[in-house]
């Protein structure tokens, strides 16, 4: 009989990677904002990671972790939405901010669900940072709100560090999870 592996750590590492990309984009560290081709490629790559997140959600279900299944399925939807929203934002479509505001709102809802279920406080902090990340990405794509790119960078990096620490703590079981 084979043992089913819970993919929570892998999913959290991917969340860290995605939020790192947004953080670096917010600080314009590896791209010229006028290079739409490079940015489109990054958002296409984010879409591919969304597909991996669907697989992780499925694996979490097979492992019997209902909350992780729901969370990673939602994160997959959020990644798909972020990919489409960012692409729409690059094309100047006015729907982009609305997509990111909706994603931020749903992360807040998941934050309250996590709190009610008694999940680790680290997860609640991560959901809060990701909600603020998506909120400020929406503000960034709003008309005339480019000064908020720094907030995208800050919350992207805070989300990255939180998700990566949480993933490392779960996978190694040598770091405290609070």
Protein backbone atom coordinates (compact mmCIF):
# COMPACT_ATOMS: atom_id res chain seq x y z
CA UNK A 1 0.00 0.00 0.00
CA UNK A 2 1.43 3.38 -0.94
CA UNK A 3 1.37 6.33 1.39
CA UNK A 4 -0.26 9.49 0.07
CA UNK A 5 1.89 12.59 0.53
CA UNK A 6 0.34 15.84 1.71
CA UNK A 7 1.59 18.53 -0.71
CA UNK A 8 1.00 21.51 1.59
CA UNK A 9 4.68 22.48 1.72
CA UNK A 10 5.00 22.32 -2.07
CA UNK A 11 1.92 24.51 -2.46
CA UNK A 12 3.29 27.05 0.01
CA UNK A 13 6.64 27.15 -1.79
CA UNK A 14 4.76 27.91 -5.04
CA UNK A 15 2.78 30.65 -3.27
CA UNK A 16 6.11 32.08 -2.13
CA UNK A 17 7.45 31.98 -5.66
CA UNK A 18 4.40 33.70 -7.15
CA UNK A 19 4.40 36.44 -4.52
CA UNK A 20 8.15 36.92 -5.00
CA UNK A 21 7.51 37.56 -8.70
CA UNK A 22 4.87 40.17 -7.85
CA UNK A 23 7.16 41.71 -5.24
CA UNK A 24 10.04 42.02 -7.68
CA UNK A 25 7.71 43.43 -10.32
CA UNK A 26 6.48 45.95 -7.75
CA UNK A 27 10.03 47.12 -7.16
CA UNK A 28 10.89 46.89 -10.88
CA UNK A 29 13.99 44.87 -9.98
CA UNK A 30 14.19 42.59 -12.99
CA UNK A 31 12.11 44.20 -15.68
CA UNK A 32 11.54 47.44 -17.43
CA UNK A 33 7.83 48.28 -16.97
CA UNK A 34 7.67 49.31 -20.61
CA UNK A 35 8.77 45.81 -21.74
CA UNK A 36 5.29 44.38 -22.24
CA UNK A 37 6.66 41.22 -23.92
CA UNK A 38 8.68 40.19 -20.87
CA UNK A 39 5.81 40.98 -18.53
CA UNK A 40 3.39 38.97 -20.68
CA UNK A 41 5.77 36.01 -20.54
CA UNK A 42 5.95 36.29 -16.74
CA UNK A 43 2.15 36.31 -16.47
CA UNK A 44 1.92 33.30 -18.81
CA UNK A 45 4.41 31.51 -16.53
CA UNK A 46 2.25 32.42 -13.54
CA UNK A 47 -0.66 30.77 -15.37
CA UNK A 48 1.38 27.56 -15.70
CA UNK A 49 2.06 27.64 -11.97
CA UNK A 50 -1.72 27.88 -11.51
CA UNK A 51 -2.01 24.55 -13.30
CA UNK A 52 0.54 23.08 -10.88
CA UNK A 53 -1.54 24.47 -8.02
CA UNK A 54 -4.59 22.57 -9.34
CA UNK A 55 -2.53 19.38 -9.17
CA UNK A 56 -1.46 20.24 -5.62
CA UNK A 57 -5.10 20.82 -4.62
CA UNK A 58 -5.99 17.42 -6.08
CA UNK A 59 -3.09 15.79 -4.20
CA UNK A 60 -4.18 17.44 -0.95
CA UNK A 61 -7.63 15.96 -1.45
CA UNK A 62 -6.12 12.52 -2.02
CA UNK A 63 -4.14 12.99 1.21
CA UNK A 64 -7.36 13.73 3.10
CA UNK A 65 -6.59 17.38 3.84
CA UNK A 66 -9.91 19.08 3.09
CA UNK A 67 -8.86 22.60 4.07
CA UNK A 68 -5.65 22.44 2.00
CA UNK A 69 -7.69 21.14 -0.94
CA UNK A 70 -10.05 24.10 -0.73
CA UNK A 71 -7.25 26.59 -0.10
CA UNK A 72 -5.03 25.44 -2.96
CA UNK A 73 -7.99 25.18 -5.34
CA UNK A 74 -8.83 28.77 -4.45
CA UNK A 75 -5.20 29.80 -4.84
CA UNK A 76 -5.21 28.19 -8.30
CA UNK A 77 -8.26 30.25 -9.23
CA UNK A 78 -6.54 33.34 -7.80
CA UNK A 79 -3.42 32.63 -9.84
CA UNK A 80 -5.49 32.23 -13.02
CA UNK A 81 -7.32 35.45 -12.17
CA UNK A 82 -4.06 37.26 -11.48
CA UNK A 83 -2.62 36.07 -14.78
CA UNK A 84 -5.68 37.23 -16.71
CA UNK A 85 -5.98 40.44 -14.68
CA UNK A 86 -2.34 41.39 -15.12
CA UNK A 87 -2.51 40.69 -18.85
CA UNK A 88 -5.66 42.82 -19.07
CA UNK A 89 -3.90 45.55 -17.07
CA UNK A 90 -0.96 45.54 -19.46
CA UNK A 91 -3.39 45.99 -22.33
CA UNK A 92 -5.03 48.92 -20.54
CA UNK A 93 -8.30 47.09 -19.90
CA UNK A 94 -10.36 48.74 -17.16
CA UNK A 95 -11.47 45.38 -15.74
CA UNK A 96 -7.99 44.61 -14.30
CA UNK A 97 -8.41 46.48 -11.00
CA UNK A 98 -11.78 44.82 -10.40
CA UNK A 99 -10.27 41.35 -10.80
CA UNK A 100 -7.59 42.10 -8.22
CA UNK A 101 -10.06 43.73 -5.79
CA UNK A 102 -12.24 40.60 -6.00
CA UNK A 103 -9.21 38.38 -5.36
CA UNK A 104 -8.24 40.50 -2.34
CA UNK A 105 -11.77 40.22 -0.97
CA UNK A 106 -11.80 36.45 -1.36
CA UNK A 107 -8.45 36.16 0.43
CA UNK A 108 -9.96 38.13 3.31
CA UNK A 109 -12.90 35.68 3.37
CA UNK A 110 -10.45 32.75 3.45
CA UNK A 111 -8.56 34.52 6.24
CA UNK A 112 -11.73 34.54 8.38
CA UNK A 113 -12.45 30.91 7.54
CA UNK A 114 -8.88 30.02 8.55
CA UNK A 115 -9.30 31.90 11.83
CA UNK A 116 -12.60 30.13 12.58
CA UNK A 117 -11.04 26.73 11.86
CA UNK A 118 -8.12 27.42 14.21
CA UNK A 119 -5.40 27.10 11.57
CA UNK A 120 -1.91 28.33 12.49
CA UNK A 121 -1.66 32.09 12.90
CA UNK A 122 1.11 32.06 10.31
CA UNK A 123 -1.44 31.07 7.67
CA UNK A 124 -3.71 33.92 8.73
CA UNK A 125 -0.79 36.36 8.42
CA UNK A 126 0.06 34.94 4.99
CA UNK A 127 -3.55 35.30 3.78
CA UNK A 128 -3.59 38.89 5.07
CA UNK A 129 -0.37 39.79 3.23
CA UNK A 130 -1.59 38.16 0.00
CA UNK A 131 -4.91 40.01 0.28
CA UNK A 132 -3.05 43.31 0.61
CA UNK A 133 -0.77 42.32 -2.27
CA UNK A 134 -3.76 41.79 -4.58
CA UNK A 135 -5.45 44.94 -3.29
CA UNK A 136 -2.41 47.04 -4.18
CA UNK A 137 -1.96 45.31 -7.53
CA UNK A 138 -5.55 46.39 -8.25
CA UNK A 139 -4.76 49.93 -7.15
CA UNK A 140 -1.61 49.83 -9.29
CA UNK A 141 -3.62 48.95 -12.39
CA UNK A 142 -6.18 51.63 -11.54
CA UNK A 143 -5.96 54.76 -13.60
CA UNK A 144 -3.20 57.08 -12.40
CA UNK A 145 -2.22 55.00 -9.36
CA UNK A 146 1.30 53.95 -10.37
CA UNK A 147 2.89 55.24 -7.12
CA UNK A 148 1.48 52.15 -5.38
CA UNK A 149 4.03 49.88 -7.08
CA UNK A 150 6.15 50.08 -3.92
CA UNK A 151 3.27 48.69 -1.84
CA UNK A 152 2.99 45.81 -4.32
CA UNK A 153 6.69 45.16 -3.79
CA UNK A 154 6.47 45.31 0.01
CA UNK A 155 3.47 43.01 0.33
CA UNK A 156 4.84 40.70 -2.35
CA UNK A 157 8.07 40.26 -0.40
CA UNK A 158 6.26 39.93 2.95
CA UNK A 159 4.06 37.22 1.42
CA UNK A 160 7.12 35.52 -0.06
CA UNK A 161 9.00 35.41 3.25
CA UNK A 162 5.92 34.24 5.18
CA UNK A 163 5.00 31.50 2.68
CA UNK A 164 8.59 30.29 2.36
CA UNK A 165 9.11 30.18 6.13
CA UNK A 166 5.80 28.37 6.61
CA UNK A 167 6.67 25.84 3.88
CA UNK A 168 10.15 25.27 5.33
CA UNK A 169 8.73 24.88 8.84
CA UNK A 170 6.17 22.30 7.69
CA UNK A 171 8.58 20.35 5.52
CA UNK A 172 11.52 20.21 7.91
CA UNK A 173 9.54 20.19 11.17
CA UNK A 174 12.53 21.98 12.73
CA UNK A 175 11.12 25.51 12.73
CA UNK A 176 8.24 26.61 14.95
CA UNK A 177 4.83 27.04 13.35
CA UNK A 178 2.77 29.47 15.35
